[in-house]
Protein backbone atom coordinates (compact mmCIF):
# COMPACT_ATOMS: atom_id res chain seq x y z
CA MET A 1 157.24 112.29 76.15
CA THR A 2 153.76 112.86 77.48
CA ASP A 3 152.73 112.26 81.08
CA ASP A 4 149.74 110.12 80.06
CA VAL A 5 152.03 107.68 78.22
CA HIS A 6 155.14 107.72 80.39
CA GLY A 7 153.87 108.95 83.74
CA ARG A 8 154.52 112.15 85.62
CA PRO A 9 158.12 112.79 86.60
CA ALA A 10 158.86 110.91 89.81
CA ALA A 11 159.81 114.14 91.59
CA GLU A 12 156.22 115.39 91.11
CA LEU A 13 154.57 112.32 92.68
CA SER A 14 153.26 112.26 96.23
CA ASP A 15 154.92 109.78 98.58
CA ALA A 16 151.92 107.44 98.25
CA GLU A 17 152.00 107.64 94.43
CA LEU A 18 155.75 107.06 94.39
CA GLU A 19 155.42 103.94 96.54
CA ARG A 20 152.44 102.65 94.52
CA GLN A 21 154.17 103.17 91.16
CA GLY A 22 157.43 101.69 92.46
CA THR A 23 155.59 98.61 93.70
CA GLN A 24 153.77 98.30 90.37
CA ALA A 25 157.03 98.66 88.41
CA HIS A 26 158.60 95.81 90.34
CA ALA A 27 155.46 93.68 90.04
CA THR A 28 155.39 94.03 86.24
CA ARG A 29 159.14 93.60 85.67
CA ASN A 30 158.99 89.88 84.92
CA TRP A 31 156.21 90.28 82.36
CA VAL A 32 158.05 93.09 80.56
CA PHE A 33 161.28 91.08 80.58
CA LEU A 34 159.63 87.98 79.11
CA HIS A 35 156.95 89.42 76.83
CA GLY A 36 157.58 93.10 76.25
CA SER A 37 159.17 94.65 73.20
CA ALA A 38 162.67 96.13 73.35
CA GLU A 39 161.09 99.58 73.60
CA GLN A 40 158.82 98.50 76.47
CA PHE A 41 161.75 96.94 78.31
CA ALA A 42 163.90 100.06 77.87
CA ARG A 43 161.09 102.37 78.99
CA HIS A 44 160.22 100.16 81.95
CA THR A 45 163.86 100.06 83.06
CA THR A 46 164.20 103.83 82.77
CA ARG A 47 160.99 104.45 84.71
CA MET A 48 161.78 101.91 87.41
CA LEU A 49 165.23 103.44 87.97
CA GLU A 50 163.71 106.95 88.04
CA LEU A 51 161.23 105.87 90.71
CA GLU A 52 163.95 104.15 92.74
CA ARG A 53 166.26 107.19 92.59
CA GLU A 54 163.45 109.47 93.75
CA TYR A 55 162.51 107.10 96.57
CA LEU A 56 166.13 106.93 97.70
CA ARG A 57 166.41 110.73 97.56
CA ARG A 58 163.30 111.16 99.72
CA HIS A 59 163.81 108.24 102.10
CA PRO A 60 167.51 107.32 102.24
CA LYS A 61 167.24 105.68 105.66
CA ARG A 62 164.56 103.22 104.48
CA THR A 63 166.89 101.43 102.08
CA TRP A 64 170.12 99.50 102.50
CA GLN A 65 171.89 102.25 100.53
CA GLY A 66 171.09 104.93 103.09
CA SER A 67 170.99 102.87 106.28
CA GLY A 68 174.59 101.77 106.23
CA GLY A 69 173.54 98.37 104.92
CA ALA A 70 175.87 98.82 101.96
CA GLY A 71 178.57 97.39 104.18
CA GLY A 72 181.73 98.82 105.58
CA ASN A 73 183.87 97.55 102.74
CA ARG A 74 183.40 100.22 100.07
CA ASP A 75 185.62 98.30 97.64
CA ALA A 76 183.42 95.20 97.87
CA THR A 77 180.32 97.34 97.40
CA ALA A 78 181.88 99.06 94.38
CA ASP A 79 182.85 95.67 92.93
CA ALA A 80 179.28 94.39 93.34
CA TRP A 81 177.85 97.46 91.60
CA ARG A 82 180.45 97.20 88.84
CA GLU A 83 179.36 93.58 88.18
CA THR A 84 175.72 94.67 88.10
CA VAL A 85 176.38 97.47 85.61
CA LEU A 86 178.51 95.20 83.43
CA GLY A 87 175.68 92.64 83.41
CA ILE A 88 173.22 95.30 82.26
CA ILE A 89 175.62 96.45 79.54
CA GLU A 90 176.08 92.85 78.40
CA GLN A 91 172.30 92.31 78.26
CA LEU A 92 171.80 95.48 76.23
CA THR A 93 174.68 94.59 73.90
CA MET A 94 173.15 91.16 73.25
CA LEU A 95 169.84 92.85 72.45
CA LEU A 96 171.51 95.18 69.96
CA GLU A 97 173.52 92.41 68.30
CA ARG A 98 170.64 89.94 68.06
CA PRO A 99 169.72 89.29 64.46
CA GLY A 100 166.20 90.08 63.39
CA PRO A 101 163.66 87.43 62.41
CA GLN A 102 164.79 85.06 59.71
CA HIS A 103 163.04 85.66 56.43
CA ASP A 104 162.66 82.60 54.27
CA SER A 105 161.83 82.87 50.62
CA GLY A 106 159.62 79.75 50.65
CA PRO A 107 155.85 79.61 50.98
CA ALA A 108 156.00 79.70 54.82
CA ALA A 109 157.49 83.20 54.67
CA ALA A 110 154.32 84.47 53.00
CA ASP A 111 152.16 82.71 55.61
CA PRO A 112 152.93 83.54 59.24
CA VAL A 113 150.78 80.62 60.44
CA GLN A 114 152.88 78.20 58.40
CA ALA A 115 156.11 79.79 59.65
CA PHE A 116 154.95 79.57 63.27
CA LEU A 117 153.71 75.98 63.05
CA ARG A 118 156.91 75.02 61.22
CA ARG A 119 158.99 76.42 64.12
CA ILE A 120 157.07 74.24 66.57
CA ALA A 121 157.33 71.20 64.29
CA ASP A 122 161.09 71.75 64.02
CA CYS A 123 161.29 71.52 67.82
CA GLY A 124 159.75 68.06 67.84
CA GLY A 125 156.19 69.37 67.81
CA ARG A 126 156.44 70.82 71.34
CA MET A 127 157.62 74.21 72.54
CA HIS A 128 157.56 76.02 75.89
CA LYS A 129 154.86 78.68 75.96
CA LEU A 130 157.35 81.55 76.26
CA GLU A 131 159.37 80.28 73.31
CA ALA A 132 156.15 79.80 71.34
CA HIS A 133 155.11 83.37 72.17
CA GLN A 134 158.44 84.63 70.83
CA ALA A 135 158.24 82.38 67.75
CA ALA A 136 154.78 83.76 66.93
CA ARG A 137 156.08 87.31 67.29
CA GLU A 138 159.05 86.56 65.03
CA ALA A 139 156.76 84.96 62.43
CA GLY A 140 154.64 88.12 62.43
CA LEU A 141 151.59 86.34 63.82
CA GLU A 142 149.14 88.48 65.77
CA ARG A 143 147.83 87.22 69.13
CA ALA A 144 144.30 86.77 67.80
CA ALA A 145 145.64 84.60 64.97
CA VAL A 146 147.57 82.47 67.49
CA ALA A 147 144.40 82.06 69.56
CA ASP A 148 142.56 80.91 66.43
CA LEU A 149 145.01 77.99 66.11
CA TYR A 150 143.78 76.64 69.46
CA LYS A 151 140.12 77.30 68.61
CA ALA A 152 140.18 75.74 65.13
CA ASP A 153 138.07 72.64 64.59
CA PRO A 154 140.09 70.50 64.98
CA PRO A 155 142.71 72.56 66.86
CA LEU A 156 146.12 72.94 65.26
CA LEU A 157 147.78 73.51 68.65
CA ILE A 158 146.94 72.44 72.18
CA THR A 159 148.39 73.26 75.58
CA GLU A 160 149.99 70.69 77.85
CA GLY A 161 151.14 72.42 81.00
CA HIS A 162 153.68 75.04 79.97
CA ASP A 163 154.13 73.52 76.51
CA ARG A 164 152.38 74.27 73.25
CA VAL A 165 151.95 71.08 71.24
CA LEU A 166 151.34 70.65 67.53
CA THR A 167 148.35 68.35 66.92
CA ASP A 168 147.86 65.89 64.10
CA ALA A 169 145.67 68.55 62.45
CA GLY A 170 148.54 71.01 62.82
CA ARG A 171 150.92 68.56 61.16
CA ALA A 172 148.40 68.01 58.38
CA HIS A 173 148.16 71.77 57.94
CA LEU A 174 151.92 71.77 57.38
CA GLY A 175 151.64 68.78 55.05
CA THR A 176 153.72 66.60 57.39
CA ALA A 177 151.00 64.30 58.77
């Protein structure tokens, strides 16, 4: 682990750096959860928890944990933490058990564009942008290649709000026009 890739150990950060990096970790959490790889999510979680532990060690009275805000009922607090930890374990277990991308033996398997467009067509020709992002990743389609589908003349995909929609040209590309 190098500092330039994973950051300096939290214990070595100044108070200002610790607060800035903690704020940044929380601000980027949603993106990493939705779009990051399993490795990015694991690393982000580890780093965020490291920063939080160090902040709590330095400033225990600034948080609910150190200010008595954890409540007088230690059993209820322990139960709440137990549920949190079990939820994290369940999420990680689901990640480990999740099957990898499906590999077809047909012509779409050799062509990631075909595989991606087929996934959208199979959903009625419309897919939420986050699901489409995941489908492209599973099909092995690079971001630039996805962007080309919108820029084609005529476009194979268009955006409608949060949805990605297969056009008539996209259907023709699949041979389903």
